[in-house]
Amino acid sequence: MVKKGVASITIRGVARAADMTPGNLGYYFSSYDKLLQALLDWVLDPYLRAFEFLRADVGDDPVASLHAVLNYVLEDLANEDTTMFFPELWVLANRGDQAAERMRGLYDTYMSVLKELISAVRPDLSRTHIDELALFMCASIEGQTVFIGYERPYAKHRKALKSISLDAMIAAVVNHSGDASVNDAPGTN
């Protein structure tokens, strides 16, 4: 997917890349959906392991834990595989419900880590506000991929944007008033 694009993620394309027959690949992945889920799990698992290591490394300081995880993800934007994979995943998700559902599962898992960290920093915030802060962080970071990712037009500004992003995201959590949620507005569901 990174080297050949979203069109390469077919049973035949993966079998060819793995130097096996589609039938042999079907032994391991009985459907395209299972193949896609395995791919996303393979991508997500190293992040989750890194997050746990980073959190353990900084100790009991919840702000330091949040900073370490955000720093890791922002630093990862410089990785060619990251810059190529996620936009291809977005294209795939725009083309099919199964891919969109799988992508949402990936982001829900990622955001659950952010929510846990935000909650540790600000246990006084409502679940809705914590969810919105995690969504803000995730959307902000993902949006930077096309601008400052590997060999992208503004990559020379990656270090500055990482610093600005870290400051802004940590400040958003620490200083959030807990007032402006759309879900908390009168007359909304």
C-alpha atoms as a PDB file:
ATOM      1  CA  MET A   1       0.000   0.000   0.000  1.00  0.00           C
ATOM      2  CA  VAL A   2       2.868   2.363   0.821  1.00  0.00           C
ATOM      3  CA  LYS A   3       4.805   1.631  -2.361  1.00  0.00           C
ATOM      4  CA  LYS A   4       2.015   0.902  -4.865  1.00  0.00           C
ATOM      5  CA  GLY A   5      -1.009   2.737  -3.495  1.00  0.00           C
ATOM      6  CA  VAL A   6      -4.467   1.751  -2.440  1.00  0.00           C
ATOM      7  CA  ALA A   7      -5.160  -0.175  -5.640  1.00  0.00           C
ATOM      8  CA  SER A   8      -2.599  -2.786  -4.564  1.00  0.00           C
ATOM      9  CA  ILE A   9      -4.692  -3.844  -1.565  1.00  0.00           C
ATOM     10  CA  THR A  10      -6.554  -6.689  -3.197  1.00  0.00           C
ATOM     11  CA  ILE A  11      -6.366 -10.387  -2.432  1.00  0.00           C
ATOM     12  CA  ARG A  12      -4.504 -10.906  -5.718  1.00  0.00           C
ATOM     13  CA  GLY A  13      -2.181  -7.916  -5.172  1.00  0.00           C
ATOM     14  CA  VAL A  14      -1.239  -8.980  -1.653  1.00  0.00           C
ATOM     15  CA  ALA A  15      -0.784 -12.604  -2.744  1.00  0.00           C
ATOM     16  CA  ARG A  16       1.497 -11.480  -5.571  1.00  0.00           C
ATOM     17  CA  ALA A  17       3.538  -9.273  -3.185  1.00  0.00           C
ATOM     18  CA  ALA A  18       3.804 -12.184  -0.726  1.00  0.00           C
ATOM     19  CA  ASP A  19       4.827 -14.534  -3.552  1.00  0.00           C
ATOM     20  CA  MET A  20       1.915 -16.906  -3.003  1.00  0.00           C
ATOM     21  CA  THR A  21      -1.292 -17.849  -4.739  1.00  0.00           C
ATOM     22  CA  PRO A  22      -4.566 -16.098  -3.906  1.00  0.00           C
ATOM     23  CA  GLY A  23      -5.895 -19.447  -2.697  1.00  0.00           C
ATOM     24  CA  ASN A  24      -2.986 -19.873  -0.313  1.00  0.00           C
ATOM     25  CA  LEU A  25      -3.492 -16.331   1.007  1.00  0.00           C
ATOM     26  CA  GLY A  26      -7.192 -17.184   1.412  1.00  0.00           C
ATOM     27  CA  TYR A  27      -6.168 -19.866   3.881  1.00  0.00           C
ATOM     28  CA  TYR A  28      -4.948 -17.126   6.213  1.00  0.00           C
ATOM     29  CA  PHE A  29      -7.462 -14.420   5.277  1.00  0.00           C
ATOM     30  CA  SER A  30     -10.856 -15.757   4.247  1.00  0.00           C
ATOM     31  CA  SER A  31     -12.084 -12.308   3.196  1.00  0.00           C
ATOM     32  CA  TYR A  32     -10.828  -8.919   2.133  1.00  0.00           C
ATOM     33  CA  ASP A  33     -12.199  -7.461   5.369  1.00  0.00           C
ATOM     34  CA  LYS A  34     -10.069  -9.845   7.457  1.00  0.00           C
ATOM     35  CA  LEU A  35      -7.013  -8.980   5.386  1.00  0.00           C
ATOM     36  CA  LEU A  36      -7.655  -5.262   5.898  1.00  0.00           C
ATOM     37  CA  GLN A  37      -8.173  -5.732   9.643  1.00  0.00           C
ATOM     38  CA  ALA A  38      -4.903  -7.653   9.923  1.00  0.00           C
ATOM     39  CA  LEU A  39      -3.121  -4.855   8.049  1.00  0.00           C
ATOM     40  CA  LEU A  40      -4.539  -2.184  10.365  1.00  0.00           C
ATOM     41  CA  ASP A  41      -3.716  -4.233  13.464  1.00  0.00           C
ATOM     42  CA  TRP A  42      -0.170  -4.640  12.151  1.00  0.00           C
ATOM     43  CA  VAL A  43       0.099  -0.855  11.735  1.00  0.00           C
ATOM     44  CA  LEU A  44      -1.522   0.050  15.072  1.00  0.00           C
ATOM     45  CA  ASP A  45       0.187  -2.461  17.392  1.00  0.00           C
ATOM     46  CA  PRO A  46       3.666  -0.850  17.298  1.00  0.00           C
ATOM     47  CA  TYR A  47       2.118   2.517  18.175  1.00  0.00           C
ATOM     48  CA  LEU A  48       0.268   1.057  21.143  1.00  0.00           C
ATOM     49  CA  ARG A  49       3.432  -0.665  22.380  1.00  0.00           C
ATOM     50  CA  ALA A  50       5.401   2.579  21.981  1.00  0.00           C
ATOM     51  CA  PHE A  51       2.717   4.512  23.872  1.00  0.00           C
ATOM     52  CA  GLU A  52       2.923   2.076  26.790  1.00  0.00           C
ATOM     53  CA  PHE A  53       6.723   2.279  26.842  1.00  0.00           C
ATOM     54  CA  LEU A  54       6.668   6.089  26.723  1.00  0.00           C
ATOM     55  CA  ARG A  55       4.119   6.304  29.507  1.00  0.00           C
ATOM     56  CA  ALA A  56       6.113   3.947  31.696  1.00  0.00           C
ATOM     57  CA  ASP A  57       9.304   5.839  30.918  1.00  0.00           C
ATOM     58  CA  VAL A  58       8.003   9.222  32.145  1.00  0.00           C
ATOM     59  CA  GLY A  59       6.445   7.876  35.329  1.00  0.00           C
ATOM     60  CA  ASP A  60       3.372   9.170  37.116  1.00  0.00           C
ATOM     61  CA  ASP A  61       3.222  12.669  35.626  1.00  0.00           C
ATOM     62  CA  PRO A  62       0.075  12.720  33.431  1.00  0.00           C
ATOM     63  CA  VAL A  63       1.116  15.871  31.538  1.00  0.00           C
ATOM     64  CA  ALA A  64       4.518  14.337  30.765  1.00  0.00           C
ATOM     65  CA  SER A  65       2.787  11.153  29.576  1.00  0.00           C
ATOM     66  CA  LEU A  66       0.475  13.084  27.263  1.00  0.00           C
ATOM     67  CA  HIS A  67       3.400  15.146  25.977  1.00  0.00           C
ATOM     68  CA  ALA A  68       5.493  12.020  25.293  1.00  0.00           C
ATOM     69  CA  VAL A  69       2.733  10.283  23.328  1.00  0.00           C
ATOM     70  CA  LEU A  70       1.882  13.386  21.296  1.00  0.00           C
ATOM     71  CA  ASN A  71       5.561  14.049  20.624  1.00  0.00           C
ATOM     72  CA  TYR A  72       6.000  10.473  19.379  1.00  0.00           C
ATOM     73  CA  VAL A  73       3.069  10.721  16.980  1.00  0.00           C
ATOM     74  CA  LEU A  74       4.126  14.140  15.686  1.00  0.00           C
ATOM     75  CA  GLU A  75       7.704  12.940  15.230  1.00  0.00           C
ATOM     76  CA  ASP A  76       6.394   9.917  13.317  1.00  0.00           C
ATOM     77  CA  LEU A  77       5.074  12.235  10.598  1.00  0.00           C
ATOM     78  CA  ALA A  78       8.657  12.337   9.281  1.00  0.00           C
ATOM     79  CA  ASN A  79       8.471   8.601   8.548  1.00  0.00           C
ATOM     80  CA  GLU A  80       7.912   7.774   4.861  1.00  0.00           C
ATOM     81  CA  ASP A  81       5.672   4.798   5.636  1.00  0.00           C
ATOM     82  CA  THR A  82       3.461   6.946   7.880  1.00  0.00           C
ATOM     83  CA  THR A  83       3.208   9.745   5.332  1.00  0.00           C
ATOM     84  CA  MET A  84       2.299   7.311   2.571  1.00  0.00           C
ATOM     85  CA  PHE A  85       0.136   4.834   4.496  1.00  0.00           C
ATOM     86  CA  PHE A  86      -2.416   7.039   6.202  1.00  0.00           C
ATOM     87  CA  PRO A  87      -3.492   9.092   3.164  1.00  0.00           C
ATOM     88  CA  GLU A  88      -3.848   5.823   1.233  1.00  0.00           C
ATOM     89  CA  LEU A  89      -5.973   4.467   4.071  1.00  0.00           C
ATOM     90  CA  TRP A  90      -8.178   7.568   3.888  1.00  0.00           C
ATOM     91  CA  VAL A  91      -8.689   6.960   0.153  1.00  0.00           C
ATOM     92  CA  LEU A  92      -9.540   3.326   0.802  1.00  0.00           C
ATOM     93  CA  ALA A  93     -12.012   4.314   3.523  1.00  0.00           C
ATOM     94  CA  ASN A  94     -13.678   6.794   1.169  1.00  0.00           C
ATOM     95  CA  ARG A  95     -14.256   3.988  -1.318  1.00  0.00           C
ATOM     96  CA  GLY A  96     -15.892   1.391   0.897  1.00  0.00           C
ATOM     97  CA  ASP A  97     -17.889   0.901   4.054  1.00  0.00           C
ATOM     98  CA  GLN A  98     -15.767  -2.003   5.325  1.00  0.00           C
ATOM     99  CA  ALA A  99     -12.575   0.004   5.009  1.00  0.00           C
ATOM    100  CA  ALA A 100     -14.225   3.038   6.614  1.00  0.00           C
ATOM    101  CA  GLU A 101     -15.412   0.900   9.519  1.00  0.00           C
ATOM    102  CA  ARG A 102     -11.957  -0.625   9.979  1.00  0.00           C
ATOM    103  CA  MET A 103     -10.285   2.784   9.801  1.00  0.00           C
ATOM    104  CA  ARG A 104     -12.680   4.131  12.411  1.00  0.00           C
ATOM    105  CA  GLY A 105     -11.786   1.211  14.672  1.00  0.00           C
ATOM    106  CA  LEU A 106      -8.103   2.068  14.283  1.00  0.00           C
ATOM    107  CA  TYR A 107      -8.705   5.714  15.178  1.00  0.00           C
ATOM    108  CA  ASP A 108     -11.040   4.797  18.053  1.00  0.00           C
ATOM    109  CA  THR A 109      -8.266   2.674  19.543  1.00  0.00           C
ATOM    110  CA  TYR A 110      -5.724   5.450  19.075  1.00  0.00           C
ATOM    111  CA  MET A 111      -8.072   8.057  20.540  1.00  0.00           C
ATOM    112  CA  SER A 112      -8.848   5.826  23.528  1.00  0.00           C
ATOM    113  CA  VAL A 113      -5.184   6.237  24.528  1.00  0.00           C
ATOM    114  CA  LEU A 114      -5.492  10.018  24.167  1.00  0.00           C
ATOM    115  CA  LYS A 115      -8.740  10.022  26.157  1.00  0.00           C
ATOM    116  CA  GLU A 116      -7.122   8.077  28.984  1.00  0.00           C
ATOM    117  CA  LEU A 117      -4.216  10.521  29.072  1.00  0.00           C
ATOM    118  CA  ILE A 118      -6.476  13.585  28.924  1.00  0.00           C
ATOM    119  CA  SER A 119      -8.628  12.169  31.690  1.00  0.00           C
ATOM    120  CA  ALA A 120      -5.533  11.657  33.849  1.00  0.00           C
ATOM    121  CA  VAL A 121      -4.549  15.312  33.336  1.00  0.00           C
ATOM    122  CA  ARG A 122      -8.090  16.646  33.755  1.00  0.00           C
ATOM    123  CA  PRO A 123     -10.309  14.209  35.676  1.00  0.00           C
ATOM    124  CA  ASP A 124     -12.780  17.078  36.199  1.00  0.00           C
ATOM    125  CA  LEU A 125     -13.770  17.195  32.512  1.00  0.00           C
ATOM    126  CA  SER A 126     -16.890  15.481  31.246  1.00  0.00           C
ATOM    127  CA  ARG A 127     -16.594  12.429  29.006  1.00  0.00           C
ATOM    128  CA  THR A 128     -17.856  14.581  26.109  1.00  0.00           C
ATOM    129  CA  HIS A 129     -15.140  17.185  26.583  1.00  0.00           C
ATOM    130  CA  ILE A 130     -12.454  14.523  26.875  1.00  0.00           C
ATOM    131  CA  ASP A 131     -13.745  12.897  23.666  1.00  0.00           C
ATOM    132  CA  GLU A 132     -13.699  16.238  21.860  1.00  0.00           C
ATOM    133  CA  LEU A 133     -10.177  17.074  22.985  1.00  0.00           C
ATOM    134  CA  ALA A 134      -8.939  13.662  21.790  1.00  0.00           C
ATOM    135  CA  LEU A 135     -10.717  14.164  18.467  1.00  0.00           C
ATOM    136  CA  PHE A 136      -9.174  17.628  18.141  1.00  0.00           C
ATOM    137  CA  MET A 137      -5.693  16.220  18.731  1.00  0.00           C
ATOM    138  CA  CYS A 138      -6.125  13.325  16.346  1.00  0.00           C
ATOM    139  CA  ALA A 139      -7.598  15.492  13.574  1.00  0.00           C
ATOM    140  CA  SER A 140      -4.908  18.124  14.035  1.00  0.00           C
ATOM    141  CA  ILE A 141      -2.086  15.623  13.805  1.00  0.00           C
ATOM    142  CA  GLU A 142      -3.562  13.739  10.858  1.00  0.00           C
ATOM    143  CA  GLY A 143      -4.096  16.992   8.992  1.00  0.00           C
ATOM    144  CA  GLN A 144      -0.421  17.805   9.304  1.00  0.00           C
ATOM    145  CA  THR A 145       0.533  14.647   7.396  1.00  0.00           C
ATOM    146  CA  VAL A 146      -0.146  16.184   3.982  1.00  0.00           C
ATOM    147  CA  PHE A 147       1.750  19.376   4.827  1.00  0.00           C
ATOM    148  CA  ILE A 148       4.808  18.360   6.852  1.00  0.00           C
ATOM    149  CA  GLY A 149       5.020  14.598   6.345  1.00  0.00           C
ATOM    150  CA  TYR A 150       7.953  12.865   4.680  1.00  0.00           C
ATOM    151  CA  GLU A 151       9.133  14.914   1.676  1.00  0.00           C
ATOM    152  CA  ARG A 152       5.999  17.082   1.776  1.00  0.00           C
ATOM    153  CA  PRO A 153       6.057  20.726   0.636  1.00  0.00           C
ATOM    154  CA  TYR A 154       6.364  22.233   4.111  1.00  0.00           C
ATOM    155  CA  ALA A 155       8.500  19.526   5.740  1.00  0.00           C
ATOM    156  CA  LYS A 156      11.168  22.098   6.558  1.00  0.00           C
ATOM    157  CA  HIS A 157       8.692  23.530   9.104  1.00  0.00           C
ATOM    158  CA  ARG A 158       8.083  20.160  10.819  1.00  0.00           C
ATOM    159  CA  LYS A 159      10.119  20.986  13.931  1.00  0.00           C
ATOM    160  CA  ALA A 160       8.367  24.340  14.438  1.00  0.00           C
ATOM    161  CA  LEU A 161       4.903  22.871  13.849  1.00  0.00           C
ATOM    162  CA  LYS A 162       5.635  20.023  16.241  1.00  0.00           C
ATOM    163  CA  SER A 163       6.582  22.524  18.939  1.00  0.00           C
ATOM    164  CA  ILE A 164       3.517  24.688  18.267  1.00  0.00           C
ATOM    165  CA  SER A 165       1.258  21.622  18.220  1.00  0.00           C
ATOM    166  CA  LEU A 166       2.612  20.229  21.478  1.00  0.00           C
ATOM    167  CA  ASP A 167       2.228  23.574  23.227  1.00  0.00           C
ATOM    168  CA  ALA A 168      -1.287  24.108  21.845  1.00  0.00           C
ATOM    169  CA  MET A 169      -2.544  20.600  22.594  1.00  0.00           C
ATOM    170  CA  ILE A 170      -1.182  20.491  26.124  1.00  0.00           C
ATOM    171  CA  ALA A 171      -2.568  23.985  26.764  1.00  0.00           C
ATOM    172  CA  ALA A 172      -5.942  22.941  25.328  1.00  0.00           C
ATOM    173  CA  VAL A 173      -6.170  20.131  27.869  1.00  0.00           C
ATOM    174  CA  VAL A 174      -4.804  22.048  30.843  1.00  0.00           C
ATOM    175  CA  ASN A 175      -6.828  25.211  30.187  1.00  0.00           C
ATOM    176  CA  HIS A 176     -10.047  23.828  28.699  1.00  0.00           C
ATOM    177  CA  SER A 177     -13.001  25.378  30.476  1.00  0.00           C
ATOM    178  CA  GLY A 178     -15.319  22.508  29.758  1.00  0.00           C
ATOM    179  CA  ASP A 179     -18.021  24.899  28.537  1.00  0.00           C
ATOM    180  CA  ALA A 180     -18.201  24.815  24.737  1.00  0.00           C
ATOM    181  CA  SER A 181     -19.274  21.296  23.798  1.00  0.00           C
ATOM    182  CA  VAL A 182     -21.830  21.027  21.014  1.00  0.00           C
ATOM    183  CA  ASN A 183     -23.248  17.956  22.744  1.00  0.00           C
ATOM    184  CA  ASP A 184     -23.773  19.961  25.931  1.00  0.00           C
ATOM    185  CA  ALA A 185     -25.635  22.794  24.195  1.00  0.00           C
ATOM    186  CA  PRO A 186     -29.333  23.143  25.019  1.00  0.00           C
ATOM    187  CA  GLY A 187     -31.610  21.444  22.523  1.00  0.00           C
ATOM    188  CA  THR A 188     -28.970  19.076  21.093  1.00  0.00           C
ATOM    189  CA  ASN A 189     -28.902  15.314  21.334  1.00  0.00           C
END
